[in-house]
């Protein structure tokens, strides 16, 4: 009788241990989720598709007009492109740190990091406008040749996305100050994801247009 009781106890203990183990393994899987809202990810996918068409078109045009593209790229200001790259990467870093802060409930730090990210993003805007003015001073515009037609179309399209991204970050910053993300931070994450997309696109644009 004692042996049966001991055997039954051991069985119950082993069963409990298995259940606990399964819970520990499955819990992280349940906690893993796509950051932000699904609608934002569909929007990001659509934007990436449009930019992919631009990139493919640029690459094809370059293959058909290689000499013209080489001469035209030499008229660009690669230092300006590098500064813009560093500015967007740095801004994206501060946005990522802001997301971490809002996850930990540090609202003030999150808002301050968003403000810093916006200030750094302004560097991109100023440098890009200066670069356009620099090209205009050389008599170069969207009608100069195929390269500059694509250059102005693609970079200005991206420029507008940067502006939209900054508006989104300002919006979520205001909402953060109002305490909108105390329970659900998906809206905050959605804005951050959009900004990271803008940064990633420029990382592709910079070598494609200025270097390669």
Protein backbone atom coordinates (compact mmCIF):
# COMPACT_ATOMS: atom_id res chain seq x y z
CA UNK A 1 0.00 0.00 0.00
CA UNK A 2 2.84 2.35 0.92
CA UNK A 3 4.63 1.50 -2.31
CA UNK A 4 1.51 2.23 -4.35
CA UNK A 5 1.10 5.59 -2.58
CA UNK A 6 4.73 6.45 -3.18
CA UNK A 7 4.45 5.46 -6.84
CA UNK A 8 1.31 7.58 -7.26
CA UNK A 9 3.02 10.58 -5.61
CA UNK A 10 6.04 10.26 -7.87
CA UNK A 11 3.75 10.06 -10.90
CA UNK A 12 1.92 13.22 -9.87
CA UNK A 13 5.21 15.06 -9.24
CA UNK A 14 6.58 13.99 -12.62
CA UNK A 15 3.37 15.06 -14.35
CA UNK A 16 3.50 18.46 -12.63
CA UNK A 17 7.13 18.91 -13.63
CA UNK A 18 6.27 18.13 -17.27
CA UNK A 19 3.42 20.64 -17.23
CA UNK A 20 5.63 23.34 -15.70
CA UNK A 21 8.36 22.61 -18.25
CA UNK A 22 5.88 22.82 -21.12
CA UNK A 23 4.54 26.10 -19.72
CA UNK A 24 8.06 27.56 -19.49
CA UNK A 25 8.82 26.54 -23.08
CA UNK A 26 5.54 27.73 -24.55
CA UNK A 27 5.30 31.01 -22.59
CA UNK A 28 8.04 32.84 -24.55
CA UNK A 29 6.45 31.67 -27.78
CA UNK A 30 3.12 33.10 -26.72
CA UNK A 31 4.77 36.39 -25.70
CA UNK A 32 6.48 36.80 -29.06
CA UNK A 33 4.50 39.05 -31.38
CA UNK A 34 4.95 41.37 -34.30
CA UNK A 35 5.57 44.88 -32.90
CA UNK A 36 2.97 47.48 -33.76
CA UNK A 37 -0.34 47.13 -35.57
CA UNK A 38 -0.92 44.73 -38.45
CA UNK A 39 -2.37 47.57 -40.53
CA UNK A 40 0.89 49.49 -40.26
CA UNK A 41 2.82 46.45 -41.47
CA UNK A 42 0.57 46.21 -44.56
CA UNK A 43 1.21 49.91 -45.17
CA UNK A 44 4.98 49.41 -44.76
CA UNK A 45 4.88 46.46 -47.16
CA UNK A 46 3.06 48.59 -49.73
CA UNK A 47 5.64 51.37 -49.37
CA UNK A 48 8.52 48.93 -49.72
CA UNK A 49 6.93 47.57 -52.90
CA UNK A 50 6.80 51.05 -54.43
CA UNK A 51 10.43 51.73 -53.54
CA UNK A 52 11.42 48.32 -54.91
CA UNK A 53 9.96 49.34 -58.28
CA UNK A 54 12.00 52.55 -58.14
CA UNK A 55 15.18 50.63 -57.28
CA UNK A 56 14.68 48.13 -60.09
CA UNK A 57 13.94 50.91 -62.55
CA UNK A 58 17.08 52.77 -61.48
CA UNK A 59 19.22 49.63 -61.82
CA UNK A 60 17.85 48.85 -65.28
CA UNK A 61 18.35 52.44 -66.45
CA UNK A 62 21.91 52.36 -65.16
CA UNK A 63 22.67 49.23 -67.14
CA UNK A 64 21.33 50.87 -70.31
CA UNK A 65 23.11 54.20 -69.72
CA UNK A 66 26.21 53.24 -67.75
CA UNK A 67 28.50 56.05 -68.99
CA UNK A 68 25.90 58.75 -68.39
CA UNK A 69 25.23 57.45 -64.88
CA UNK A 70 28.96 57.44 -64.03
CA UNK A 71 29.37 61.05 -65.19
CA UNK A 72 26.17 62.16 -63.41
CA UNK A 73 27.04 60.45 -60.11
CA UNK A 74 30.34 62.34 -60.10
CA UNK A 75 28.34 65.58 -59.82
CA UNK A 76 26.66 64.49 -56.60
CA UNK A 77 28.01 65.34 -53.16
CA UNK A 78 28.84 61.99 -51.49
CA UNK A 79 29.73 63.67 -48.17
CA UNK A 80 26.19 65.07 -48.00
CA UNK A 81 24.85 61.57 -48.65
CA UNK A 82 27.06 60.15 -45.90
CA UNK A 83 25.96 62.82 -43.42
CA UNK A 84 22.33 62.02 -44.19
CA UNK A 85 23.00 58.32 -43.71
CA UNK A 86 24.58 58.87 -40.30
CA UNK A 87 21.80 61.26 -39.31
CA UNK A 88 19.02 58.78 -40.09
CA UNK A 89 20.83 55.85 -38.47
CA UNK A 90 21.42 57.90 -35.32
CA UNK A 91 17.81 59.10 -35.29
CA UNK A 92 16.61 55.52 -35.68
CA UNK A 93 18.80 54.47 -32.74
CA UNK A 94 17.19 57.07 -30.48
CA UNK A 95 13.75 55.91 -31.58
CA UNK A 96 14.68 52.32 -30.68
CA UNK A 97 15.87 53.50 -27.26
CA UNK A 98 12.60 55.40 -26.87
CA UNK A 99 10.64 52.21 -27.53
CA UNK A 100 12.70 50.44 -24.87
CA UNK A 101 11.97 53.27 -22.43
CA UNK A 102 8.21 53.13 -23.03
CA UNK A 103 8.32 49.36 -22.53
CA UNK A 104 9.86 49.92 -19.10
CA UNK A 105 7.29 52.60 -18.26
CA UNK A 106 9.76 55.50 -18.33
CA UNK A 107 7.54 58.02 -20.14
CA UNK A 108 9.74 61.08 -19.60
CA UNK A 109 12.85 59.36 -20.96
CA UNK A 110 10.88 58.01 -23.93
CA UNK A 111 9.65 61.51 -24.85
CA UNK A 112 13.13 63.02 -24.48
CA UNK A 113 14.62 60.37 -26.75
CA UNK A 114 11.93 61.05 -29.36
CA UNK A 115 12.77 64.75 -29.25
CA UNK A 116 16.47 63.99 -29.76
CA UNK A 117 15.64 61.70 -32.68
CA UNK A 118 13.64 64.49 -34.32
CA UNK A 119 16.46 66.99 -33.86
CA UNK A 120 18.90 64.58 -35.53
CA UNK A 121 16.39 63.93 -38.33
CA UNK A 122 16.32 67.69 -38.98
CA UNK A 123 19.98 67.38 -39.99
CA UNK A 124 18.86 65.14 -42.85
CA UNK A 125 16.25 67.68 -43.97
CA UNK A 126 18.67 70.60 -43.93
CA UNK A 127 21.43 68.72 -45.75
CA UNK A 128 19.04 67.34 -48.36
CA UNK A 129 17.60 70.78 -49.13
CA UNK A 130 21.15 72.16 -49.38
CA UNK A 131 22.06 69.33 -51.77
CA UNK A 132 19.11 70.13 -54.03
CA UNK A 133 20.09 73.81 -54.06
CA UNK A 134 23.69 72.84 -54.84
CA UNK A 135 22.57 70.86 -57.90
CA UNK A 136 20.23 73.64 -59.02
CA UNK A 137 23.14 76.10 -58.83
CA UNK A 138 25.00 73.88 -61.29
CA UNK A 139 22.06 74.08 -63.69
CA UNK A 140 20.98 70.52 -62.91
CA UNK A 141 17.31 69.68 -62.48
CA UNK A 142 14.88 66.83 -63.04
CA UNK A 143 15.02 67.28 -66.84
CA UNK A 144 18.84 67.19 -67.17
CA UNK A 145 19.04 63.49 -68.03
CA UNK A 146 17.65 60.07 -67.06
CA UNK A 147 19.91 59.78 -64.02
CA UNK A 148 18.82 63.06 -62.48
CA UNK A 149 15.19 62.41 -63.34
CA UNK A 150 15.35 59.23 -61.27
CA UNK A 151 17.57 60.88 -58.64
CA UNK A 152 15.11 63.69 -57.94
CA UNK A 153 12.05 61.43 -58.11
CA UNK A 154 13.43 58.79 -55.75
CA UNK A 155 15.16 61.07 -53.24
CA UNK A 156 12.27 63.54 -53.08
CA UNK A 157 9.81 60.66 -52.62
CA UNK A 158 11.98 59.46 -49.74
CA UNK A 159 12.25 63.05 -48.43
CA UNK A 160 8.45 63.19 -48.16
CA UNK A 161 8.48 59.89 -46.27
CA UNK A 162 10.96 61.36 -43.82
CA UNK A 163 8.60 64.30 -43.25
CA UNK A 164 5.66 61.93 -42.76
CA UNK A 165 7.73 59.83 -40.36
CA UNK A 166 8.60 62.91 -38.33
CA UNK A 167 4.93 63.89 -38.14
CA UNK A 168 4.08 60.38 -36.93
CA UNK A 169 6.79 60.52 -34.25
CA UNK A 170 5.58 63.94 -33.09
CA UNK A 171 2.05 62.53 -32.90
CA UNK A 172 3.06 59.52 -30.79
CA UNK A 173 5.24 61.77 -28.64
CA UNK A 174 2.21 63.96 -27.85
CA UNK A 175 0.12 60.87 -27.14
CA UNK A 176 2.86 59.52 -24.89
CA UNK A 177 2.81 62.73 -22.86
CA UNK A 178 -0.97 62.33 -22.51
CA UNK A 179 -0.47 58.80 -21.18
CA UNK A 180 -1.99 57.02 -24.17
CA UNK A 181 0.42 54.06 -24.13
CA UNK A 182 0.25 52.93 -20.51
CA UNK A 183 -1.62 49.72 -21.34
CA UNK A 184 -1.25 49.23 -25.10
CA UNK A 185 1.96 50.43 -26.80
CA UNK A 186 1.19 49.00 -30.26
CA UNK A 187 0.54 52.49 -31.63
CA UNK A 188 3.92 53.66 -30.37
CA UNK A 189 5.63 50.62 -31.88
CA UNK A 190 3.86 51.20 -35.22
CA UNK A 191 5.29 54.71 -35.48
CA UNK A 192 8.74 53.44 -34.59
CA UNK A 193 8.52 50.67 -37.22
CA UNK A 194 7.62 53.21 -39.89
CA UNK A 195 10.63 55.33 -38.94
CA UNK A 196 12.94 52.32 -39.10
CA UNK A 197 11.59 51.62 -42.60
CA UNK A 198 12.48 55.17 -43.67
CA UNK A 199 15.98 54.70 -42.28
CA UNK A 200 16.42 51.31 -43.98
CA UNK A 201 15.34 52.71 -47.34
CA UNK A 202 17.98 55.44 -47.20
CA UNK A 203 20.64 52.86 -46.30
CA UNK A 204 19.77 51.19 -49.62
CA UNK A 205 19.48 54.48 -51.51
CA UNK A 206 22.84 55.87 -50.45
CA UNK A 207 25.10 53.22 -52.02
CA UNK A 208 22.74 52.70 -54.98
CA UNK A 209 22.75 56.36 -56.03
CA UNK A 210 26.00 57.74 -54.67
CA UNK A 211 28.54 54.90 -54.64
CA UNK A 212 27.83 51.82 -56.75
